[in-house]
């Protein structure tokens, strides 16, 4: 079933609709809850295919050359339906302005829905000069929302509580659930948008691991082999958390993209399934001594 066809169906099913779509704070647009990052292999034809299925959240950066033409075409057809999230860097206000205005020219659009400071604290700062420049660009209508990708969860929690950031892009998956303590409790005051990435924990949740003992999968069917997890289960785990507005996917090809979209079609996980996946994630974290950041 196409997501575009599915959209008609979910309008009559409030639970499924809530799982599949969210209205983003500040931006005010209704988005399909799987955002597309075009820096892992897909090209412009895949972007246009994804848009035809119902996808409408696009991550773009200066190095995402293979998908630039596709994003330009998609937003040319219907700018107000689509969300363009640009990932940039900057230690100074002038760098941020330069990055945003260059993105506007590259994508042939009057505004970006979101400008995210990449790797806040490592390759970007939230200095007063940078923040003031972003607020000015927002006032000028060149961006609608200010965001940041950040790996320091405790700092992300503080920024969620009190900052000019409208959006936080954070790591969250079955192996890395620390945001549940460090970030999510601080969202209520300002309700920023929360975008999650690394749903598969860099493939660690979907690759076989020796000597893992788990109780049977709660909804086992004949022929289903779990563990390891499937990509669909990883994405559904993330999206079943009510604090997550959407999850990013970075597919290598259209088949992976098609497979990942199935996670949305399958809906939220049951409490028993969530508990099982959470326990599996803890085992994987204990097994993997080498961990990312």
C-alpha atoms as a PDB file:
ATOM      1  CA  UNK A   1       0.000   0.000   0.000  1.00  0.00           C
ATOM      2  CA  UNK A   2       1.317   3.453  -0.862  1.00  0.00           C
ATOM      3  CA  UNK A   3       1.626   5.863   2.029  1.00  0.00           C
ATOM      4  CA  UNK A   4      -0.400   8.295  -0.043  1.00  0.00           C
ATOM      5  CA  UNK A   5      -3.186   5.703  -0.136  1.00  0.00           C
ATOM      6  CA  UNK A   6      -2.604   4.882   3.505  1.00  0.00           C
ATOM      7  CA  UNK A   7      -3.154   8.544   4.402  1.00  0.00           C
ATOM      8  CA  UNK A   8      -6.784   8.278   3.314  1.00  0.00           C
ATOM      9  CA  UNK A   9      -7.242   5.197   5.471  1.00  0.00           C
ATOM     10  CA  UNK A  10      -5.626   6.599   8.604  1.00  0.00           C
ATOM     11  CA  UNK A  11      -7.910   9.632   8.624  1.00  0.00           C
ATOM     12  CA  UNK A  12     -10.575   7.218   9.856  1.00  0.00           C
ATOM     13  CA  UNK A  13      -8.329   5.717  12.522  1.00  0.00           C
ATOM     14  CA  UNK A  14      -7.172   8.234  15.127  1.00  0.00           C
ATOM     15  CA  UNK A  15      -4.654   5.892  16.798  1.00  0.00           C
ATOM     16  CA  UNK A  16      -2.962   4.991  13.531  1.00  0.00           C
ATOM     17  CA  UNK A  17      -3.079   8.608  12.392  1.00  0.00           C
ATOM     18  CA  UNK A  18      -1.406   9.784  15.589  1.00  0.00           C
ATOM     19  CA  UNK A  19       1.329   7.210  15.075  1.00  0.00           C
ATOM     20  CA  UNK A  20       1.930   8.020  11.434  1.00  0.00           C
ATOM     21  CA  UNK A  21       1.768  11.811  11.449  1.00  0.00           C
ATOM     22  CA  UNK A  22       2.589  14.688  13.779  1.00  0.00           C
ATOM     23  CA  UNK A  23       2.215  18.443  13.654  1.00  0.00           C
ATOM     24  CA  UNK A  24       5.612  19.948  14.419  1.00  0.00           C
ATOM     25  CA  UNK A  25       5.728  22.651  17.110  1.00  0.00           C
ATOM     26  CA  UNK A  26       6.645  26.171  15.920  1.00  0.00           C
ATOM     27  CA  UNK A  27       6.761  25.030  12.283  1.00  0.00           C
ATOM     28  CA  UNK A  28       3.103  24.082  12.337  1.00  0.00           C
ATOM     29  CA  UNK A  29       3.272  21.554   9.518  1.00  0.00           C
ATOM     30  CA  UNK A  30       1.904  18.027   9.632  1.00  0.00           C
ATOM     31  CA  UNK A  31       4.657  15.570   8.793  1.00  0.00           C
ATOM     32  CA  UNK A  32       5.003  11.901   8.098  1.00  0.00           C
ATOM     33  CA  UNK A  33       7.005  10.600  11.054  1.00  0.00           C
ATOM     34  CA  UNK A  34       9.938   9.212   9.094  1.00  0.00           C
ATOM     35  CA  UNK A  35      12.276  11.922   7.869  1.00  0.00           C
ATOM     36  CA  UNK A  36      14.637  11.220   4.975  1.00  0.00           C
ATOM     37  CA  UNK A  37      18.374  11.907   5.198  1.00  0.00           C
ATOM     38  CA  UNK A  38      19.969  11.786   1.764  1.00  0.00           C
ATOM     39  CA  UNK A  39      23.624  11.290   2.627  1.00  0.00           C
ATOM     40  CA  UNK A  40      23.879   7.483   2.599  1.00  0.00           C
ATOM     41  CA  UNK A  41      23.182   6.441  -0.982  1.00  0.00           C
ATOM     42  CA  UNK A  42      19.718   7.357  -2.253  1.00  0.00           C
ATOM     43  CA  UNK A  43      19.436   9.820  -5.116  1.00  0.00           C
ATOM     44  CA  UNK A  44      16.959  12.387  -6.385  1.00  0.00           C
ATOM     45  CA  UNK A  45      14.717   9.805  -8.047  1.00  0.00           C
ATOM     46  CA  UNK A  46      14.367   8.065  -4.670  1.00  0.00           C
ATOM     47  CA  UNK A  47      13.426  11.377  -3.031  1.00  0.00           C
ATOM     48  CA  UNK A  48      10.685  11.937  -5.581  1.00  0.00           C
ATOM     49  CA  UNK A  49       9.502   8.353  -5.131  1.00  0.00           C
ATOM     50  CA  UNK A  50       9.399   8.812  -1.350  1.00  0.00           C
ATOM     51  CA  UNK A  51       7.432  12.039  -1.724  1.00  0.00           C
ATOM     52  CA  UNK A  52       4.924  10.191  -3.892  1.00  0.00           C
ATOM     53  CA  UNK A  53       4.475   7.715  -1.026  1.00  0.00           C
ATOM     54  CA  UNK A  54       3.751  10.535   1.444  1.00  0.00           C
ATOM     55  CA  UNK A  55       7.136  11.452   2.926  1.00  0.00           C
ATOM     56  CA  UNK A  56       7.566  15.190   3.468  1.00  0.00           C
ATOM     57  CA  UNK A  57      10.472  15.807   5.902  1.00  0.00           C
ATOM     58  CA  UNK A  58      13.829  16.230   4.146  1.00  0.00           C
ATOM     59  CA  UNK A  59      17.238  16.603   5.760  1.00  0.00           C
ATOM     60  CA  UNK A  60      19.665  18.490   3.549  1.00  0.00           C
ATOM     61  CA  UNK A  61      23.284  19.545   3.928  1.00  0.00           C
ATOM     62  CA  UNK A  62      25.929  20.991   1.662  1.00  0.00           C
ATOM     63  CA  UNK A  63      27.319  17.513   0.977  1.00  0.00           C
ATOM     64  CA  UNK A  64      23.956  15.942   0.075  1.00  0.00           C
ATOM     65  CA  UNK A  65      24.490  16.525  -3.640  1.00  0.00           C
ATOM     66  CA  UNK A  66      22.787  13.348  -4.912  1.00  0.00           C
ATOM     67  CA  UNK A  67      19.411  14.401  -3.513  1.00  0.00           C
ATOM     68  CA  UNK A  68      19.522  18.168  -4.060  1.00  0.00           C
ATOM     69  CA  UNK A  69      17.691  18.130  -7.389  1.00  0.00           C
ATOM     70  CA  UNK A  70      15.005  15.813  -5.999  1.00  0.00           C
ATOM     71  CA  UNK A  71      14.347  17.985  -2.958  1.00  0.00           C
ATOM     72  CA  UNK A  72      14.222  21.087  -5.173  1.00  0.00           C
ATOM     73  CA  UNK A  73      11.617  19.445  -7.382  1.00  0.00           C
ATOM     74  CA  UNK A  74       9.505  18.183  -4.491  1.00  0.00           C
ATOM     75  CA  UNK A  75       9.357  21.564  -2.759  1.00  0.00           C
ATOM     76  CA  UNK A  76       8.787  23.360  -6.068  1.00  0.00           C
ATOM     77  CA  UNK A  77       5.567  21.392  -6.475  1.00  0.00           C
ATOM     78  CA  UNK A  78       4.263  22.082  -2.966  1.00  0.00           C
ATOM     79  CA  UNK A  79       6.458  24.140  -0.650  1.00  0.00           C
ATOM     80  CA  UNK A  80       3.959  24.436   2.188  1.00  0.00           C
ATOM     81  CA  UNK A  81       3.422  20.707   2.442  1.00  0.00           C
ATOM     82  CA  UNK A  82       7.119  19.872   2.793  1.00  0.00           C
ATOM     83  CA  UNK A  83       9.585  20.460   5.616  1.00  0.00           C
ATOM     84  CA  UNK A  84      13.191  21.217   4.705  1.00  0.00           C
ATOM     85  CA  UNK A  85      15.632  20.724   7.565  1.00  0.00           C
ATOM     86  CA  UNK A  86      19.089  22.024   6.758  1.00  0.00           C
ATOM     87  CA  UNK A  87      22.067  20.792   8.744  1.00  0.00           C
ATOM     88  CA  UNK A  88      24.871  23.349   8.973  1.00  0.00           C
ATOM     89  CA  UNK A  89      27.743  24.464  11.139  1.00  0.00           C
ATOM     90  CA  UNK A  90      29.049  27.685  12.627  1.00  0.00           C
ATOM     91  CA  UNK A  91      31.183  29.163  15.373  1.00  0.00           C
ATOM     92  CA  UNK A  92      30.233  32.702  14.404  1.00  0.00           C
ATOM     93  CA  UNK A  93      27.027  34.437  13.405  1.00  0.00           C
ATOM     94  CA  UNK A  94      28.277  35.372   9.944  1.00  0.00           C
ATOM     95  CA  UNK A  95      29.077  31.708   9.230  1.00  0.00           C
ATOM     96  CA  UNK A  96      25.526  30.684  10.099  1.00  0.00           C
ATOM     97  CA  UNK A  97      24.014  33.399   7.904  1.00  0.00           C
ATOM     98  CA  UNK A  98      26.297  32.425   5.047  1.00  0.00           C
ATOM     99  CA  UNK A  99      25.343  28.759   5.410  1.00  0.00           C
ATOM    100  CA  UNK A 100      21.615  29.496   5.435  1.00  0.00           C
ATOM    101  CA  UNK A 101      21.648  31.910   2.517  1.00  0.00           C
ATOM    102  CA  UNK A 102      23.712  29.459   0.478  1.00  0.00           C
ATOM    103  CA  UNK A 103      21.185  26.709   1.237  1.00  0.00           C
ATOM    104  CA  UNK A 104      18.331  28.950   0.089  1.00  0.00           C
ATOM    105  CA  UNK A 105      20.069  29.503  -3.233  1.00  0.00           C
ATOM    106  CA  UNK A 106      20.944  25.832  -3.692  1.00  0.00           C
ATOM    107  CA  UNK A 107      17.385  24.684  -3.026  1.00  0.00           C
ATOM    108  CA  UNK A 108      15.719  27.629  -4.769  1.00  0.00           C
ATOM    109  CA  UNK A 109      13.444  28.387  -1.835  1.00  0.00           C
ATOM    110  CA  UNK A 110      12.603  31.527   0.135  1.00  0.00           C
ATOM    111  CA  UNK A 111      12.925  29.858   3.532  1.00  0.00           C
ATOM    112  CA  UNK A 112      14.135  26.806   5.421  1.00  0.00           C
ATOM    113  CA  UNK A 113      11.700  25.237   7.840  1.00  0.00           C
ATOM    114  CA  UNK A 114      14.565  24.331  10.188  1.00  0.00           C
ATOM    115  CA  UNK A 115      18.222  25.195  10.431  1.00  0.00           C
ATOM    116  CA  UNK A 116      20.060  22.772  12.696  1.00  0.00           C
ATOM    117  CA  UNK A 117      23.448  23.569  14.166  1.00  0.00           C
ATOM    118  CA  UNK A 118      25.408  20.369  13.594  1.00  0.00           C
ATOM    119  CA  UNK A 119      26.989  18.580  16.526  1.00  0.00           C
ATOM    120  CA  UNK A 120      26.384  21.388  18.992  1.00  0.00           C
ATOM    121  CA  UNK A 121      29.415  21.845  21.215  1.00  0.00           C
ATOM    122  CA  UNK A 122      31.768  20.132  18.761  1.00  0.00           C
ATOM    123  CA  UNK A 123      31.418  21.691  15.323  1.00  0.00           C
ATOM    124  CA  UNK A 124      28.932  24.422  16.268  1.00  0.00           C
ATOM    125  CA  UNK A 125      28.335  26.650  19.263  1.00  0.00           C
ATOM    126  CA  UNK A 126      25.290  28.307  20.759  1.00  0.00           C
ATOM    127  CA  UNK A 127      27.176  31.504  21.568  1.00  0.00           C
ATOM    128  CA  UNK A 128      25.211  34.711  21.904  1.00  0.00           C
ATOM    129  CA  UNK A 129      26.436  35.851  18.499  1.00  0.00           C
ATOM    130  CA  UNK A 130      25.281  32.663  16.771  1.00  0.00           C
ATOM    131  CA  UNK A 131      21.919  32.657  18.525  1.00  0.00           C
ATOM    132  CA  UNK A 132      21.305  36.337  17.774  1.00  0.00           C
ATOM    133  CA  UNK A 133      22.073  35.730  14.097  1.00  0.00           C
ATOM    134  CA  UNK A 134      19.623  32.827  14.018  1.00  0.00           C
ATOM    135  CA  UNK A 135      16.927  34.894  15.720  1.00  0.00           C
ATOM    136  CA  UNK A 136      17.485  37.653  13.171  1.00  0.00           C
ATOM    137  CA  UNK A 137      17.220  35.162  10.295  1.00  0.00           C
ATOM    138  CA  UNK A 138      14.035  33.840  11.838  1.00  0.00           C
ATOM    139  CA  UNK A 139      12.658  37.389  12.068  1.00  0.00           C
ATOM    140  CA  UNK A 140      13.532  37.913   8.401  1.00  0.00           C
ATOM    141  CA  UNK A 141      11.541  34.795   7.481  1.00  0.00           C
ATOM    142  CA  UNK A 142      14.545  32.917   6.122  1.00  0.00           C
ATOM    143  CA  UNK A 143      14.117  30.145   8.711  1.00  0.00           C
ATOM    144  CA  UNK A 144      11.050  29.093  10.672  1.00  0.00           C
ATOM    145  CA  UNK A 145      12.749  27.192  13.483  1.00  0.00           C
ATOM    146  CA  UNK A 146      16.144  26.916  15.153  1.00  0.00           C
ATOM    147  CA  UNK A 147      17.456  23.454  15.900  1.00  0.00           C
ATOM    148  CA  UNK A 148      20.580  21.584  16.883  1.00  0.00           C
ATOM    149  CA  UNK A 149      21.959  18.075  16.789  1.00  0.00           C
ATOM    150  CA  UNK A 150      23.515  17.272  20.144  1.00  0.00           C
ATOM    151  CA  UNK A 151      25.116  14.244  21.774  1.00  0.00           C
ATOM    152  CA  UNK A 152      25.489  15.618  25.292  1.00  0.00           C
ATOM    153  CA  UNK A 153      22.165  14.470  26.715  1.00  0.00           C
ATOM    154  CA  UNK A 154      22.377  16.353  30.000  1.00  0.00           C
ATOM    155  CA  UNK A 155      23.108  19.558  28.149  1.00  0.00           C
ATOM    156  CA  UNK A 156      20.251  18.769  25.751  1.00  0.00           C
ATOM    157  CA  UNK A 157      17.936  18.517  28.746  1.00  0.00           C
ATOM    158  CA  UNK A 158      18.992  21.973  29.928  1.00  0.00           C
ATOM    159  CA  UNK A 159      18.514  23.404  26.438  1.00  0.00           C
ATOM    160  CA  UNK A 160      15.065  21.809  26.251  1.00  0.00           C
ATOM    161  CA  UNK A 161      14.183  23.549  29.484  1.00  0.00           C
ATOM    162  CA  UNK A 162      15.578  26.979  28.688  1.00  0.00           C
ATOM    163  CA  UNK A 163      17.000  28.119  25.332  1.00  0.00           C
ATOM    164  CA  UNK A 164      16.012  29.581  21.989  1.00  0.00           C
ATOM    165  CA  UNK A 165      16.115  26.158  20.343  1.00  0.00           C
ATOM    166  CA  UNK A 166      12.849  25.019  18.760  1.00  0.00           C
ATOM    167  CA  UNK A 167      14.127  21.543  17.877  1.00  0.00           C
ATOM    168  CA  UNK A 168      16.536  18.973  19.289  1.00  0.00           C
ATOM    169  CA  UNK A 169      17.999  16.177  17.198  1.00  0.00           C
ATOM    170  CA  UNK A 170      19.172  13.469  19.594  1.00  0.00           C
ATOM    171  CA  UNK A 171      20.312   9.880  19.623  1.00  0.00           C
ATOM    172  CA  UNK A 172      17.619   7.494  20.865  1.00  0.00           C
ATOM    173  CA  UNK A 173      17.230   3.769  20.272  1.00  0.00           C
ATOM    174  CA  UNK A 174      16.809   0.511  22.178  1.00  0.00           C
ATOM    175  CA  UNK A 175      20.515   0.446  23.032  1.00  0.00           C
ATOM    176  CA  UNK A 176      20.741   4.114  23.983  1.00  0.00           C
ATOM    177  CA  UNK A 177      17.718   5.075  26.078  1.00  0.00           C
ATOM    178  CA  UNK A 178      19.410   7.707  28.255  1.00  0.00           C
ATOM    179  CA  UNK A 179      17.246  10.484  26.811  1.00  0.00           C
ATOM    180  CA  UNK A 180      14.368   9.064  28.854  1.00  0.00           C
ATOM    181  CA  UNK A 181      16.098  10.379  31.989  1.00  0.00           C
ATOM    182  CA  UNK A 182      18.224  13.230  30.649  1.00  0.00           C
ATOM    183  CA  UNK A 183      15.995  14.909  28.038  1.00  0.00           C
ATOM    184  CA  UNK A 184      12.352  13.848  27.987  1.00  0.00           C
ATOM    185  CA  UNK A 185      11.483  14.997  31.549  1.00  0.00           C
ATOM    186  CA  UNK A 186      12.439  18.563  30.573  1.00  0.00           C
ATOM    187  CA  UNK A 187      10.330  18.890  27.427  1.00  0.00           C
ATOM    188  CA  UNK A 188       7.019  19.908  28.961  1.00  0.00           C
ATOM    189  CA  UNK A 189       7.842  23.552  29.722  1.00  0.00           C
ATOM    190  CA  UNK A 190       8.618  24.660  26.148  1.00  0.00           C
ATOM    191  CA  UNK A 191       7.601  21.578  24.114  1.00  0.00           C
ATOM    192  CA  UNK A 192      10.382  21.715  21.501  1.00  0.00           C
ATOM    193  CA  UNK A 193      10.287  19.328  18.573  1.00  0.00           C
ATOM    194  CA  UNK A 194      12.331  16.155  19.132  1.00  0.00           C
ATOM    195  CA  UNK A 195      13.887  14.349  16.180  1.00  0.00           C
ATOM    196  CA  UNK A 196      15.587  11.027  16.775  1.00  0.00           C
ATOM    197  CA  UNK A 197      18.293   9.369  14.717  1.00  0.00           C
ATOM    198  CA  UNK A 198      20.432   6.177  14.874  1.00  0.00           C
ATOM    199  CA  UNK A 199      17.358   3.989  15.377  1.00  0.00           C
ATOM    200  CA  UNK A 200      19.409   0.890  14.493  1.00  0.00           C
ATOM    201  CA  UNK A 201      22.374   1.857  16.712  1.00  0.00           C
ATOM    202  CA  UNK A 202      24.690   1.723  13.702  1.00  0.00           C
ATOM    203  CA  UNK A 203      23.362  -1.741  12.717  1.00  0.00           C
ATOM    204  CA  UNK A 204      24.211  -3.203  16.138  1.00  0.00           C
ATOM    205  CA  UNK A 205      20.568  -3.954  16.930  1.00  0.00           C
ATOM    206  CA  UNK A 206      19.954  -5.781  13.650  1.00  0.00           C
ATOM    207  CA  UNK A 207      23.201  -7.761  13.316  1.00  0.00           C
ATOM    208  CA  UNK A 208      23.466 -11.224  14.923  1.00  0.00           C
ATOM    209  CA  UNK A 209      25.320 -11.342  18.256  1.00  0.00           C
ATOM    210  CA  UNK A 210      26.633 -14.530  19.823  1.00  0.00           C
ATOM    211  CA  UNK A 211      25.566 -15.793  23.238  1.00  0.00           C
ATOM    212  CA  UNK A 212      22.454 -13.638  23.575  1.00  0.00           C
ATOM    213  CA  UNK A 213      19.712 -15.375  25.556  1.00  0.00           C
ATOM    214  CA  UNK A 214      16.242 -13.901  25.504  1.00  0.00           C
ATOM    215  CA  UNK A 215      12.761 -15.076  26.322  1.00  0.00           C
ATOM    216  CA  UNK A 216      10.605 -15.795  23.246  1.00  0.00           C
ATOM    217  CA  UNK A 217       9.395 -12.750  21.341  1.00  0.00           C
ATOM    218  CA  UNK A 218       5.961 -11.854  22.786  1.00  0.00           C
ATOM    219  CA  UNK A 219       4.115 -12.162  19.480  1.00  0.00           C
ATOM    220  CA  UNK A 220       6.173 -14.901  17.864  1.00  0.00           C
ATOM    221  CA  UNK A 221       4.873 -16.431  14.689  1.00  0.00           C
ATOM    222  CA  UNK A 222       6.156 -19.506  12.974  1.00  0.00           C
ATOM    223  CA  UNK A 223       9.223 -18.672  10.918  1.00  0.00           C
ATOM    224  CA  UNK A 224       9.929 -15.366  12.684  1.00  0.00           C
ATOM    225  CA  UNK A 225      13.487 -15.240  14.001  1.00  0.00           C
ATOM    226  CA  UNK A 226      14.038 -12.604  16.666  1.00  0.00           C
ATOM    227  CA  UNK A 227      16.675 -11.670  17.846  1.00  0.00           C
ATOM    228  CA  UNK A 228      18.347  -9.823  16.241  1.00  0.00           C
ATOM    229  CA  UNK A 229      15.808  -7.065  15.732  1.00  0.00           C
ATOM    230  CA  UNK A 230      14.505  -6.084  12.337  1.00  0.00           C
ATOM    231  CA  UNK A 231      14.860  -2.480  11.126  1.00  0.00           C
ATOM    232  CA  UNK A 232      11.076  -2.132  11.336  1.00  0.00           C
ATOM    233  CA  UNK A 233      11.093  -3.049  15.029  1.00  0.00           C
ATOM    234  CA  UNK A 234      13.895  -0.568  15.717  1.00  0.00           C
ATOM    235  CA  UNK A 235      11.984   2.282  14.109  1.00  0.00           C
ATOM    236  CA  UNK A 236       8.725   1.292  15.786  1.00  0.00           C
ATOM    237  CA  UNK A 237      10.464   1.244  19.177  1.00  0.00           C
ATOM    238  CA  UNK A 238      11.557   4.850  18.697  1.00  0.00           C
ATOM    239  CA  UNK A 239       8.240   6.061  17.295  1.00  0.00           C
ATOM    240  CA  UNK A 240       6.255   4.373  20.044  1.00  0.00           C
ATOM    241  CA  UNK A 241       7.744   6.906  22.459  1.00  0.00           C
ATOM    242  CA  UNK A 242       5.287   9.838  22.661  1.00  0.00           C
ATOM    243  CA  UNK A 243       8.102  12.379  23.084  1.00  0.00           C
ATOM    244  CA  UNK A 244       9.538  11.654  19.639  1.00  0.00           C
ATOM    245  CA  UNK A 245       7.975  13.667  16.845  1.00  0.00           C
ATOM    246  CA  UNK A 246       9.788  11.829  14.084  1.00  0.00           C
ATOM    247  CA  UNK A 247      12.691   9.512  13.385  1.00  0.00           C
ATOM    248  CA  UNK A 248      15.298   9.936  10.676  1.00  0.00           C
ATOM    249  CA  UNK A 249      16.260   7.199   8.269  1.00  0.00           C
ATOM    250  CA  UNK A 250      19.324   7.166   6.032  1.00  0.00           C
ATOM    251  CA  UNK A 251      18.703   4.355   3.533  1.00  0.00           C
ATOM    252  CA  UNK A 252      21.327   3.183   1.070  1.00  0.00           C
ATOM    253  CA  UNK A 253      18.795   2.475  -1.666  1.00  0.00           C
ATOM    254  CA  UNK A 254      15.100   2.478  -2.479  1.00  0.00           C
ATOM    255  CA  UNK A 255      14.537  -1.055  -1.247  1.00  0.00           C
ATOM    256  CA  UNK A 256      15.796  -0.112   2.213  1.00  0.00           C
ATOM    257  CA  UNK A 257      13.612   2.982   2.103  1.00  0.00           C
ATOM    258  CA  UNK A 258      10.600   0.885   1.118  1.00  0.00           C
ATOM    259  CA  UNK A 259      11.312  -1.554   3.948  1.00  0.00           C
ATOM    260  CA  UNK A 260      11.694   1.226   6.518  1.00  0.00           C
ATOM    261  CA  UNK A 261       8.350   2.743   5.526  1.00  0.00           C
ATOM    262  CA  UNK A 262       6.717  -0.527   6.579  1.00  0.00           C
ATOM    263  CA  UNK A 263       7.492   0.357  10.185  1.00  0.00           C
ATOM    264  CA  UNK A 264       4.963   3.173   9.974  1.00  0.00           C
ATOM    265  CA  UNK A 265       2.356   0.907   8.421  1.00  0.00           C
ATOM    266  CA  UNK A 266       2.733  -1.583  11.287  1.00  0.00           C
ATOM    267  CA  UNK A 267       1.941   0.994  13.975  1.00  0.00           C
ATOM    268  CA  UNK A 268       2.934   1.219  17.615  1.00  0.00           C
ATOM    269  CA  UNK A 269       4.430  -1.666  19.569  1.00  0.00           C
ATOM    270  CA  UNK A 270       2.604  -3.284  22.468  1.00  0.00           C
ATOM    271  CA  UNK A 271       3.898  -2.766  26.038  1.00  0.00           C
ATOM    272  CA  UNK A 272       5.156  -6.366  26.036  1.00  0.00           C
ATOM    273  CA  UNK A 273       7.061  -5.838  22.792  1.00  0.00           C
ATOM    274  CA  UNK A 274       8.556  -2.585  24.061  1.00  0.00           C
ATOM    275  CA  UNK A 275       9.742  -4.282  27.256  1.00  0.00           C
ATOM    276  CA  UNK A 276      11.305  -7.137  25.276  1.00  0.00           C
ATOM    277  CA  UNK A 277      13.165  -4.768  22.955  1.00  0.00           C
ATOM    278  CA  UNK A 278      14.333  -2.674  25.886  1.00  0.00           C
ATOM    279  CA  UNK A 279      15.844  -5.738  27.555  1.00  0.00           C
ATOM    280  CA  UNK A 280      17.501  -6.766  24.308  1.00  0.00           C
ATOM    281  CA  UNK A 281      18.970  -3.285  23.940  1.00  0.00           C
ATOM    282  CA  UNK A 282      20.494  -3.525  27.416  1.00  0.00           C
ATOM    283  CA  UNK A 283      22.155  -6.822  26.512  1.00  0.00           C
ATOM    284  CA  UNK A 284      23.559  -5.381  23.298  1.00  0.00           C
ATOM    285  CA  UNK A 285      24.926  -2.377  25.160  1.00  0.00           C
ATOM    286  CA  UNK A 286      26.624  -4.665  27.670  1.00  0.00           C
ATOM    287  CA  UNK A 287      28.081  -6.790  24.869  1.00  0.00           C
ATOM    288  CA  UNK A 288      29.418  -3.926  22.789  1.00  0.00           C
ATOM    289  CA  UNK A 289      32.417  -2.534  24.624  1.00  0.00           C
ATOM    290  CA  UNK A 290      33.160  -0.155  21.779  1.00  0.00           C
ATOM    291  CA  UNK A 291      30.435   2.447  21.834  1.00  0.00           C
ATOM    292  CA  UNK A 292      29.892   5.608  19.853  1.00  0.00           C
ATOM    293  CA  UNK A 293      30.144   8.878  21.758  1.00  0.00           C
END
